[in-house]
Amino acid sequence: MIMTPDYSLVARTAFLFVISNVTNDCPICNAELFARGWRPRVLIDGEGEKIILMPRRLMCSKCKRIHHELPDCIVPYKRHCAGTIEAIVDGKPEETLCLVACSASCSALHPGEEGTARRVAKWWRIMLPYLLNIFKSLSGKYKIRYRTMPVFTELVRAVVNSNNWTFPNLICTRSACMS
């Protein structure tokens, strides 16, 4: 999985194709990646609308692994856009910035989705120490000093691009799994 902040969305039929404006290297072996196809990804934007994004599937020329090139408006393995999740994490789910469909404040969660907000908040409480430790180790490894805490999307992008994003089934936030 690779996250890119520099991309454009091109509408074709019912899909939004994610076109990256940069070339990426394999996060595992740093070899060249070449396009292998597209994969549909359903995303719920800040207005509650379902959008079908088509990120590219990239294959490494050396280790032959497949990587998905995700825009930074997506949080891996989550349905809601990064703006919605960031608003929930900040404690303001009613005012979120939708990064895909519009560039204005919009209502992120509809009535009846309080459970989603609770699960996302619980997921964040569990994930934050892990993400900060990965970020701290990356800062030490590359000798980078930060004056302020990185914002949500920067933190997620750094962990994803270092190939340290954990699979979601390893972290369960439903009460049935917690016993």
N, C-alpha and C. Protein backbone atom coordinates (compact mmCIF):
# COMPACT_ATOMS: atom_id res chain seq x y z
N MET A 1 0.84 -1.16 0.00
CA MET A 1 0.00 0.00 0.00
C MET A 1 0.89 1.23 0.00
N ILE A 2 0.52 2.20 -0.82
CA ILE A 2 1.26 3.45 -0.92
C ILE A 2 0.24 4.57 -0.89
N MET A 3 0.51 5.62 -0.12
CA MET A 3 -0.37 6.79 -0.09
C MET A 3 0.34 7.95 -0.77
N THR A 4 -0.40 8.66 -1.59
CA THR A 4 0.16 9.80 -2.29
C THR A 4 -0.67 11.05 -2.03
N PRO A 5 -0.01 12.17 -1.71
CA PRO A 5 -0.75 13.41 -1.53
C PRO A 5 -0.95 14.17 -2.84
N ASP A 6 -0.19 13.80 -3.86
CA ASP A 6 -0.23 14.50 -5.14
C ASP A 6 -0.94 13.63 -6.18
N TYR A 7 -2.23 13.86 -6.35
CA TYR A 7 -3.03 13.04 -7.25
C TYR A 7 -4.15 13.89 -7.84
N SER A 8 -4.78 13.37 -8.85
CA SER A 8 -5.98 13.99 -9.40
C SER A 8 -7.03 12.91 -9.58
N LEU A 9 -8.29 13.30 -9.47
CA LEU A 9 -9.41 12.38 -9.64
C LEU A 9 -10.04 12.65 -11.00
N VAL A 10 -10.09 11.62 -11.83
CA VAL A 10 -10.65 11.74 -13.17
C VAL A 10 -11.94 10.93 -13.22
N ALA A 11 -13.04 11.60 -13.54
CA ALA A 11 -14.34 10.93 -13.59
C ALA A 11 -14.52 10.25 -14.93
N ARG A 12 -14.79 8.95 -14.88
CA ARG A 12 -15.13 8.16 -16.06
C ARG A 12 -16.29 7.26 -15.66
N THR A 13 -17.38 7.35 -16.36
CA THR A 13 -18.62 6.64 -16.05
C THR A 13 -19.00 6.87 -14.59
N ALA A 14 -19.19 5.83 -13.81
CA ALA A 14 -19.59 5.96 -12.41
C ALA A 14 -18.41 5.94 -11.46
N PHE A 15 -17.19 5.93 -11.99
CA PHE A 15 -16.00 5.79 -11.16
C PHE A 15 -15.16 7.06 -11.17
N LEU A 16 -14.41 7.26 -10.10
CA LEU A 16 -13.40 8.31 -10.04
C LEU A 16 -12.04 7.61 -10.04
N PHE A 17 -11.30 7.76 -11.11
CA PHE A 17 -9.99 7.13 -11.22
C PHE A 17 -8.95 8.02 -10.53
N VAL A 18 -8.14 7.39 -9.69
CA VAL A 18 -7.09 8.10 -8.96
C VAL A 18 -5.83 8.06 -9.82
N ILE A 19 -5.42 9.23 -10.28
CA ILE A 19 -4.23 9.34 -11.12
C ILE A 19 -3.15 10.06 -10.32
N SER A 20 -2.07 9.37 -10.01
CA SER A 20 -0.99 9.95 -9.24
C SER A 20 -0.12 10.81 -10.14
N ASN A 21 0.35 11.93 -9.60
CA ASN A 21 1.21 12.83 -10.36
C ASN A 21 2.68 12.59 -10.07
N VAL A 22 2.99 11.58 -9.25
CA VAL A 22 4.38 11.24 -8.92
C VAL A 22 4.60 9.76 -9.17
N THR A 23 5.84 9.37 -9.33
CA THR A 23 6.16 7.95 -9.44
C THR A 23 6.61 7.46 -8.08
N ASN A 24 6.18 6.27 -7.74
CA ASN A 24 6.49 5.70 -6.44
C ASN A 24 7.40 4.49 -6.60
N ASP A 25 8.17 4.24 -5.54
CA ASP A 25 9.00 3.04 -5.48
C ASP A 25 8.38 2.07 -4.50
N CYS A 26 8.76 0.82 -4.60
CA CYS A 26 8.26 -0.21 -3.69
C CYS A 26 8.67 0.11 -2.26
N PRO A 27 7.73 0.10 -1.31
CA PRO A 27 8.10 0.39 0.08
C PRO A 27 8.89 -0.73 0.74
N ILE A 28 8.96 -1.89 0.10
CA ILE A 28 9.68 -3.02 0.68
C ILE A 28 11.12 -3.08 0.19
N CYS A 29 11.30 -3.00 -1.15
CA CYS A 29 12.65 -3.17 -1.69
C CYS A 29 13.14 -1.97 -2.51
N ASN A 30 12.36 -0.91 -2.58
CA ASN A 30 12.71 0.33 -3.30
C ASN A 30 12.92 0.14 -4.80
N ALA A 31 12.37 -0.91 -5.37
CA ALA A 31 12.47 -1.12 -6.82
C ALA A 31 11.35 -0.35 -7.52
N GLU A 32 11.39 -0.33 -8.82
CA GLU A 32 10.40 0.38 -9.61
C GLU A 32 9.06 -0.35 -9.60
N LEU A 33 7.99 0.41 -9.54
CA LEU A 33 6.63 -0.14 -9.61
C LEU A 33 6.05 0.15 -10.98
N PHE A 34 5.31 -0.81 -11.51
CA PHE A 34 4.62 -0.56 -12.77
C PHE A 34 3.14 -0.90 -12.61
N ALA A 35 2.31 -0.23 -13.41
CA ALA A 35 0.86 -0.36 -13.29
C ALA A 35 0.42 -1.77 -13.67
N ARG A 36 -0.47 -2.32 -12.86
CA ARG A 36 -0.97 -3.67 -13.07
C ARG A 36 -2.47 -3.68 -13.32
N GLY A 37 -3.15 -2.57 -13.05
CA GLY A 37 -4.58 -2.50 -13.25
C GLY A 37 -5.21 -1.55 -12.24
N TRP A 38 -6.52 -1.67 -12.07
CA TRP A 38 -7.29 -0.82 -11.18
C TRP A 38 -8.11 -1.70 -10.25
N ARG A 39 -8.47 -1.16 -9.10
CA ARG A 39 -9.30 -1.90 -8.15
C ARG A 39 -10.35 -0.96 -7.59
N PRO A 40 -11.63 -1.35 -7.64
CA PRO A 40 -12.66 -0.45 -7.09
C PRO A 40 -12.59 -0.38 -5.58
N ARG A 41 -12.85 0.81 -5.05
CA ARG A 41 -12.82 1.05 -3.62
C ARG A 41 -13.97 1.99 -3.28
N VAL A 42 -14.91 1.53 -2.46
CA VAL A 42 -16.05 2.35 -2.07
C VAL A 42 -15.63 3.23 -0.90
N LEU A 43 -15.94 4.50 -1.01
CA LEU A 43 -15.60 5.48 0.01
C LEU A 43 -16.84 6.29 0.34
N ILE A 44 -17.11 6.48 1.62
CA ILE A 44 -18.23 7.32 2.05
C ILE A 44 -17.65 8.69 2.33
N ASP A 45 -18.06 9.68 1.54
CA ASP A 45 -17.51 11.02 1.70
C ASP A 45 -18.16 11.74 2.87
N GLY A 46 -17.79 12.98 3.09
CA GLY A 46 -18.27 13.75 4.22
C GLY A 46 -19.75 14.04 4.20
N GLU A 47 -20.38 13.94 3.04
CA GLU A 47 -21.83 14.16 2.94
C GLU A 47 -22.61 12.87 3.09
N GLY A 48 -21.94 11.75 3.29
CA GLY A 48 -22.61 10.46 3.44
C GLY A 48 -22.87 9.76 2.12
N GLU A 49 -22.39 10.30 1.02
CA GLU A 49 -22.57 9.70 -0.31
C GLU A 49 -21.48 8.66 -0.55
N LYS A 50 -21.86 7.59 -1.22
CA LYS A 50 -20.87 6.57 -1.58
C LYS A 50 -20.24 6.95 -2.92
N ILE A 51 -18.93 6.93 -2.93
CA ILE A 51 -18.15 7.24 -4.12
C ILE A 51 -17.32 6.00 -4.44
N ILE A 52 -17.24 5.65 -5.70
CA ILE A 52 -16.40 4.51 -6.09
C ILE A 52 -15.12 5.07 -6.69
N LEU A 53 -14.04 4.90 -5.94
CA LEU A 53 -12.72 5.31 -6.40
C LEU A 53 -12.04 4.12 -7.05
N MET A 54 -11.19 4.39 -8.00
CA MET A 54 -10.43 3.34 -8.68
C MET A 54 -8.94 3.63 -8.52
N PRO A 55 -8.34 3.19 -7.40
CA PRO A 55 -6.89 3.36 -7.26
C PRO A 55 -6.14 2.33 -8.10
N ARG A 56 -4.95 2.70 -8.50
CA ARG A 56 -4.14 1.80 -9.32
C ARG A 56 -3.55 0.68 -8.48
N ARG A 57 -3.41 -0.48 -9.11
CA ARG A 57 -2.66 -1.59 -8.53
C ARG A 57 -1.29 -1.54 -9.19
N LEU A 58 -0.27 -1.53 -8.36
CA LEU A 58 1.10 -1.45 -8.86
C LEU A 58 1.85 -2.70 -8.46
N MET A 59 2.67 -3.20 -9.36
CA MET A 59 3.46 -4.40 -9.08
C MET A 59 4.94 -4.04 -9.06
N CYS A 60 5.64 -4.57 -8.09
CA CYS A 60 7.07 -4.33 -7.96
C CYS A 60 7.82 -5.16 -8.99
N SER A 61 8.78 -4.54 -9.66
CA SER A 61 9.55 -5.26 -10.68
C SER A 61 10.55 -6.23 -10.07
N LYS A 62 10.87 -6.06 -8.78
CA LYS A 62 11.86 -6.94 -8.14
C LYS A 62 11.21 -8.01 -7.26
N CYS A 63 10.42 -7.60 -6.27
CA CYS A 63 9.85 -8.57 -5.33
C CYS A 63 8.47 -9.09 -5.77
N LYS A 64 7.91 -8.54 -6.83
CA LYS A 64 6.65 -8.99 -7.45
C LYS A 64 5.43 -8.83 -6.55
N ARG A 65 5.51 -7.97 -5.54
CA ARG A 65 4.36 -7.73 -4.67
C ARG A 65 3.45 -6.67 -5.28
N ILE A 66 2.18 -6.79 -4.97
CA ILE A 66 1.18 -5.83 -5.44
C ILE A 66 0.97 -4.77 -4.36
N HIS A 67 0.95 -3.51 -4.77
CA HIS A 67 0.68 -2.39 -3.87
C HIS A 67 -0.45 -1.56 -4.47
N HIS A 68 -1.33 -1.06 -3.62
CA HIS A 68 -2.39 -0.18 -4.08
C HIS A 68 -1.96 1.25 -3.83
N GLU A 69 -2.14 2.09 -4.82
CA GLU A 69 -1.76 3.49 -4.72
C GLU A 69 -2.99 4.29 -4.28
N LEU A 70 -3.05 4.61 -3.00
CA LEU A 70 -4.22 5.27 -2.43
C LEU A 70 -4.01 6.77 -2.33
N PRO A 71 -5.05 7.56 -2.58
CA PRO A 71 -4.94 8.99 -2.32
C PRO A 71 -4.99 9.23 -0.82
N ASP A 72 -4.48 10.37 -0.36
CA ASP A 72 -4.44 10.59 1.08
C ASP A 72 -5.79 10.99 1.67
N CYS A 73 -6.85 10.99 0.86
CA CYS A 73 -8.20 11.23 1.40
C CYS A 73 -8.80 9.92 1.92
N ILE A 74 -8.06 8.83 1.81
CA ILE A 74 -8.51 7.51 2.27
C ILE A 74 -7.67 7.09 3.46
N VAL A 75 -8.30 6.48 4.44
CA VAL A 75 -7.57 5.80 5.51
C VAL A 75 -7.67 4.32 5.19
N PRO A 76 -6.55 3.60 5.12
CA PRO A 76 -6.61 2.19 4.73
C PRO A 76 -7.56 1.38 5.60
N TYR A 77 -8.35 0.55 4.94
CA TYR A 77 -9.30 -0.37 5.55
C TYR A 77 -10.46 0.33 6.26
N LYS A 78 -10.69 1.61 5.98
CA LYS A 78 -11.82 2.34 6.56
C LYS A 78 -12.74 2.77 5.43
N ARG A 79 -14.04 2.84 5.70
CA ARG A 79 -15.02 3.21 4.69
C ARG A 79 -15.19 4.72 4.55
N HIS A 80 -15.10 5.43 5.66
CA HIS A 80 -15.31 6.88 5.63
C HIS A 80 -14.03 7.59 5.20
N CYS A 81 -14.20 8.78 4.61
CA CYS A 81 -13.04 9.53 4.12
C CYS A 81 -12.20 10.01 5.30
N ALA A 82 -10.97 10.39 5.01
CA ALA A 82 -10.04 10.82 6.05
C ALA A 82 -10.54 12.05 6.78
N GLY A 83 -11.24 12.94 6.09
CA GLY A 83 -11.79 14.13 6.73
C GLY A 83 -12.80 13.79 7.80
N THR A 84 -13.66 12.81 7.52
CA THR A 84 -14.66 12.37 8.50
C THR A 84 -13.98 11.73 9.70
N ILE A 85 -13.03 10.87 9.46
CA ILE A 85 -12.33 10.18 10.55
C ILE A 85 -11.53 11.18 11.38
N GLU A 86 -10.90 12.14 10.72
CA GLU A 86 -10.15 13.16 11.45
C GLU A 86 -11.08 14.00 12.32
N ALA A 87 -12.27 14.32 11.82
CA ALA A 87 -13.23 15.09 12.62
C ALA A 87 -13.70 14.29 13.83
N ILE A 88 -13.91 13.00 13.67
CA ILE A 88 -14.31 12.15 14.80
C ILE A 88 -13.19 12.08 15.82
N VAL A 89 -11.96 11.92 15.34
CA VAL A 89 -10.80 11.84 16.22
C VAL A 89 -10.62 13.14 16.99
N ASP A 90 -10.87 14.28 16.34
CA ASP A 90 -10.75 15.58 16.99
C ASP A 90 -11.94 15.90 17.87
N GLY A 91 -12.97 15.05 17.85
CA GLY A 91 -14.15 15.26 18.68
C GLY A 91 -15.17 16.19 18.07
N LYS A 92 -15.10 16.42 16.74
CA LYS A 92 -16.05 17.30 16.07
C LYS A 92 -16.67 16.60 14.87
N PRO A 93 -17.43 15.51 15.05
CA PRO A 93 -17.97 14.80 13.89
C PRO A 93 -19.01 15.59 13.12
N GLU A 94 -19.56 16.66 13.70
CA GLU A 94 -20.59 17.41 12.99
C GLU A 94 -19.99 18.38 11.97
N GLU A 95 -18.73 18.73 12.11
CA GLU A 95 -18.11 19.63 11.15
C GLU A 95 -16.85 19.00 10.60
N THR A 96 -16.98 18.39 9.45
CA THR A 96 -15.85 17.72 8.84
C THR A 96 -15.57 18.31 7.47
N LEU A 97 -14.34 18.24 7.07
CA LEU A 97 -13.96 18.72 5.75
C LEU A 97 -13.93 17.53 4.81
N CYS A 98 -14.77 17.56 3.81
CA CYS A 98 -14.83 16.48 2.85
C CYS A 98 -13.73 16.69 1.81
N LEU A 99 -12.83 15.76 1.68
CA LEU A 99 -11.70 15.92 0.79
C LEU A 99 -11.94 15.40 -0.62
N VAL A 100 -13.03 14.68 -0.84
CA VAL A 100 -13.26 14.07 -2.14
C VAL A 100 -14.29 14.83 -2.95
N ALA A 101 -15.52 14.90 -2.46
CA ALA A 101 -16.62 15.41 -3.27
C ALA A 101 -16.67 16.93 -3.28
N CYS A 102 -16.37 17.57 -2.17
CA CYS A 102 -16.45 19.02 -2.12
C CYS A 102 -15.30 19.54 -1.27
N SER A 103 -15.17 20.82 -1.19
CA SER A 103 -14.12 21.41 -0.37
C SER A 103 -14.71 22.31 0.69
N ALA A 104 -15.87 21.97 1.17
CA ALA A 104 -16.54 22.79 2.19
C ALA A 104 -16.91 21.90 3.36
N SER A 105 -17.29 22.53 4.45
CA SER A 105 -17.73 21.77 5.61
C SER A 105 -19.04 21.09 5.30
N CYS A 106 -19.18 19.85 5.72
CA CYS A 106 -20.42 19.13 5.50
C CYS A 106 -20.64 18.15 6.64
N SER A 107 -21.83 17.65 6.75
CA SER A 107 -22.18 16.76 7.85
C SER A 107 -21.62 15.38 7.58
N ALA A 108 -20.79 14.88 8.48
CA ALA A 108 -20.09 13.63 8.25
C ALA A 108 -20.94 12.41 8.53
N LEU A 109 -21.59 12.37 9.66
CA LEU A 109 -22.33 11.19 10.06
C LEU A 109 -23.81 11.54 10.18
N HIS A 110 -24.62 10.68 9.68
CA HIS A 110 -26.06 10.88 9.73
C HIS A 110 -26.61 10.30 11.03
N PRO A 111 -27.83 10.68 11.41
CA PRO A 111 -28.43 10.09 12.61
C PRO A 111 -28.44 8.57 12.53
N GLY A 112 -28.12 7.93 13.61
CA GLY A 112 -28.06 6.48 13.64
C GLY A 112 -26.67 5.93 13.45
N GLU A 113 -25.70 6.81 13.17
CA GLU A 113 -24.33 6.36 12.96
C GLU A 113 -23.43 6.70 14.15
N GLU A 114 -24.02 6.86 15.32
CA GLU A 114 -23.23 7.15 16.51
C GLU A 114 -22.29 5.99 16.83
N GLY A 115 -22.74 4.78 16.53
CA GLY A 115 -21.91 3.59 16.75
C GLY A 115 -20.65 3.64 15.91
N THR A 116 -20.76 4.14 14.68
CA THR A 116 -19.60 4.29 13.83
C THR A 116 -18.61 5.27 14.45
N ALA A 117 -19.12 6.38 14.94
CA ALA A 117 -18.24 7.37 15.57
C ALA A 117 -17.57 6.79 16.81
N ARG A 118 -18.30 6.01 17.60
CA ARG A 118 -17.71 5.39 18.79
C ARG A 118 -16.61 4.40 18.40
N ARG A 119 -16.87 3.58 17.37
CA ARG A 119 -15.87 2.59 16.95
C ARG A 119 -14.63 3.27 16.37
N VAL A 120 -14.82 4.35 15.61
CA VAL A 120 -13.67 5.07 15.06
C VAL A 120 -12.86 5.69 16.19
N ALA A 121 -13.53 6.29 17.16
CA ALA A 121 -12.82 6.89 18.30
C ALA A 121 -12.07 5.83 19.09
N LYS A 122 -12.67 4.67 19.28
CA LYS A 122 -12.01 3.57 19.99
C LYS A 122 -10.81 3.05 19.19
N TRP A 123 -10.99 2.92 17.87
CA TRP A 123 -9.91 2.50 16.98
C TRP A 123 -8.74 3.46 17.11
N TRP A 124 -9.04 4.76 17.14
CA TRP A 124 -7.98 5.77 17.23
C TRP A 124 -7.24 5.69 18.56
N ARG A 125 -7.97 5.49 19.66
CA ARG A 125 -7.32 5.36 20.96
C ARG A 125 -6.38 4.17 20.99
N ILE A 126 -6.75 3.09 20.30
CA ILE A 126 -5.90 1.90 20.24
C ILE A 126 -4.72 2.11 19.30
N MET A 127 -4.98 2.76 18.15
CA MET A 127 -3.95 2.92 17.12
C MET A 127 -2.95 4.03 17.40
N LEU A 128 -3.35 5.08 18.09
CA LEU A 128 -2.48 6.24 18.26
C LEU A 128 -1.11 5.92 18.85
N PRO A 129 -1.01 5.15 19.94
CA PRO A 129 0.34 4.84 20.44
C PRO A 129 1.19 4.09 19.41
N TYR A 130 0.58 3.15 18.69
CA TYR A 130 1.30 2.41 17.65
C TYR A 130 1.79 3.36 16.56
N LEU A 131 0.90 4.22 16.06
CA LEU A 131 1.27 5.15 15.00
C LEU A 131 2.35 6.11 15.45
N LEU A 132 2.25 6.61 16.68
CA LEU A 132 3.27 7.54 17.18
C LEU A 132 4.62 6.86 17.34
N ASN A 133 4.62 5.60 17.79
CA ASN A 133 5.89 4.87 17.90
C ASN A 133 6.53 4.63 16.54
N ILE A 134 5.73 4.28 15.56
CA ILE A 134 6.26 4.11 14.20
C ILE A 134 6.82 5.43 13.69
N PHE A 135 6.05 6.52 13.90
CA PHE A 135 6.48 7.84 13.45
C PHE A 135 7.77 8.25 14.14
N LYS A 136 7.88 7.97 15.45
CA LYS A 136 9.09 8.31 16.20
C LYS A 136 10.29 7.52 15.69
N SER A 137 10.08 6.23 15.40
CA SER A 137 11.19 5.43 14.89
C SER A 137 11.61 5.88 13.49
N LEU A 138 10.64 6.27 12.66
CA LEU A 138 10.98 6.80 11.33
C LEU A 138 11.75 8.11 11.44
N SER A 139 11.34 8.96 12.39
CA SER A 139 12.04 10.23 12.60
C SER A 139 13.47 9.98 13.04
N GLY A 140 13.67 9.00 13.92
CA GLY A 140 15.02 8.66 14.35
C GLY A 140 15.85 8.03 13.25
N LYS A 141 15.22 7.17 12.47
CA LYS A 141 15.94 6.48 11.39
C LYS A 141 16.43 7.45 10.33
N TYR A 142 15.59 8.42 9.97
CA TYR A 142 15.94 9.37 8.91
C TYR A 142 16.43 10.70 9.47
N LYS A 143 16.60 10.76 10.79
CA LYS A 143 17.12 11.95 11.48
C LYS A 143 16.36 13.21 11.10
N ILE A 144 15.03 13.14 11.26
CA ILE A 144 14.15 14.26 10.98
C ILE A 144 13.58 14.76 12.31
N ARG A 145 13.64 16.05 12.53
CA ARG A 145 13.09 16.64 13.75
C ARG A 145 11.80 17.40 13.40
N TYR A 146 10.78 17.20 14.23
CA TYR A 146 9.51 17.87 14.05
C TYR A 146 9.25 18.77 15.25
N ARG A 147 8.79 19.98 14.97
CA ARG A 147 8.49 20.92 16.04
C ARG A 147 7.09 20.71 16.60
N THR A 148 6.18 20.27 15.76
CA THR A 148 4.80 20.07 16.19
C THR A 148 4.36 18.65 15.86
N MET A 149 3.28 18.25 16.48
CA MET A 149 2.68 16.94 16.21
C MET A 149 2.14 16.94 14.78
N PRO A 150 2.41 15.89 14.00
CA PRO A 150 1.90 15.85 12.64
C PRO A 150 0.37 15.74 12.64
N VAL A 151 -0.24 16.27 11.60
CA VAL A 151 -1.69 16.16 11.48
C VAL A 151 -2.05 14.72 11.11
N PHE A 152 -3.31 14.41 11.22
CA PHE A 152 -3.81 13.05 11.04
C PHE A 152 -3.35 12.44 9.72
N THR A 153 -3.55 13.14 8.60
CA THR A 153 -3.22 12.57 7.29
C THR A 153 -1.72 12.36 7.13
N GLU A 154 -0.90 13.25 7.69
CA GLU A 154 0.56 13.09 7.60
C GLU A 154 1.01 11.86 8.39
N LEU A 155 0.43 11.66 9.54
CA LEU A 155 0.77 10.51 10.38
C LEU A 155 0.39 9.20 9.68
N VAL A 156 -0.82 9.14 9.14
CA VAL A 156 -1.28 7.94 8.44
C VAL A 156 -0.42 7.68 7.21
N ARG A 157 -0.13 8.74 6.43
CA ARG A 157 0.67 8.57 5.22
C ARG A 157 2.07 8.06 5.54
N ALA A 158 2.70 8.59 6.60
CA ALA A 158 4.05 8.15 6.97
C ALA A 158 4.07 6.68 7.36
N VAL A 159 3.08 6.24 8.11
CA VAL A 159 3.04 4.84 8.55
C VAL A 159 2.74 3.92 7.38
N VAL A 160 1.82 4.32 6.51
CA VAL A 160 1.48 3.49 5.35
C VAL A 160 2.66 3.37 4.40
N ASN A 161 3.31 4.49 4.08
CA ASN A 161 4.41 4.46 3.12
C ASN A 161 5.65 3.77 3.66
N SER A 162 5.75 3.59 4.97
CA SER A 162 6.87 2.84 5.53
C SER A 162 6.56 1.35 5.61
N ASN A 163 5.39 0.95 5.11
CA ASN A 163 4.94 -0.45 5.09
C ASN A 163 4.74 -0.99 6.51
N ASN A 164 4.25 -0.13 7.41
CA ASN A 164 4.01 -0.54 8.79
C ASN A 164 2.54 -0.47 9.18
N TRP A 165 1.65 -0.27 8.23
CA TRP A 165 0.22 -0.20 8.55
C TRP A 165 -0.26 -1.59 8.92
N THR A 166 -0.94 -1.71 10.03
CA THR A 166 -1.38 -3.01 10.52
C THR A 166 -2.71 -3.39 9.90
N PHE A 167 -2.92 -4.66 9.72
CA PHE A 167 -4.17 -5.16 9.16
C PHE A 167 -5.29 -4.94 10.17
N PRO A 168 -6.48 -4.52 9.73
CA PRO A 168 -7.52 -4.13 10.68
C PRO A 168 -8.05 -5.24 11.55
N ASN A 169 -8.00 -6.48 11.11
CA ASN A 169 -8.53 -7.57 11.92
C ASN A 169 -7.68 -7.84 13.15
N LEU A 170 -6.47 -7.30 13.19
CA LEU A 170 -5.64 -7.47 14.37
C LEU A 170 -6.08 -6.55 15.50
N ILE A 171 -6.83 -5.51 15.14
CA ILE A 171 -7.33 -4.56 16.14
C ILE A 171 -8.85 -4.53 16.03
N CYS A 172 -9.51 -5.13 16.99
CA CYS A 172 -10.97 -5.19 16.98
C CYS A 172 -11.51 -4.13 17.93
N THR A 173 -12.51 -3.37 17.47
CA THR A 173 -13.08 -2.33 18.30
C THR A 173 -14.54 -2.61 18.65
N ARG A 174 -15.03 -3.77 18.32
CA ARG A 174 -16.39 -4.13 18.70
C ARG A 174 -16.37 -4.85 20.04
N SER A 175 -17.42 -4.68 20.83
CA SER A 175 -17.44 -5.23 22.18
C SER A 175 -17.39 -6.76 22.19
N ALA A 176 -17.88 -7.40 21.13
CA ALA A 176 -17.87 -8.86 21.09
C ALA A 176 -16.44 -9.39 21.02
N CYS A 177 -15.54 -8.64 20.42
CA CYS A 177 -14.15 -9.09 20.29
C CYS A 177 -13.31 -8.77 21.52
N MET A 178 -13.79 -7.86 22.34
CA MET A 178 -12.98 -7.37 23.45
C MET A 178 -13.01 -8.28 24.67
N SER A 179 -13.87 -9.27 24.69
CA SER A 179 -13.97 -10.12 25.88
C SER A 179 -12.90 -11.16 25.93
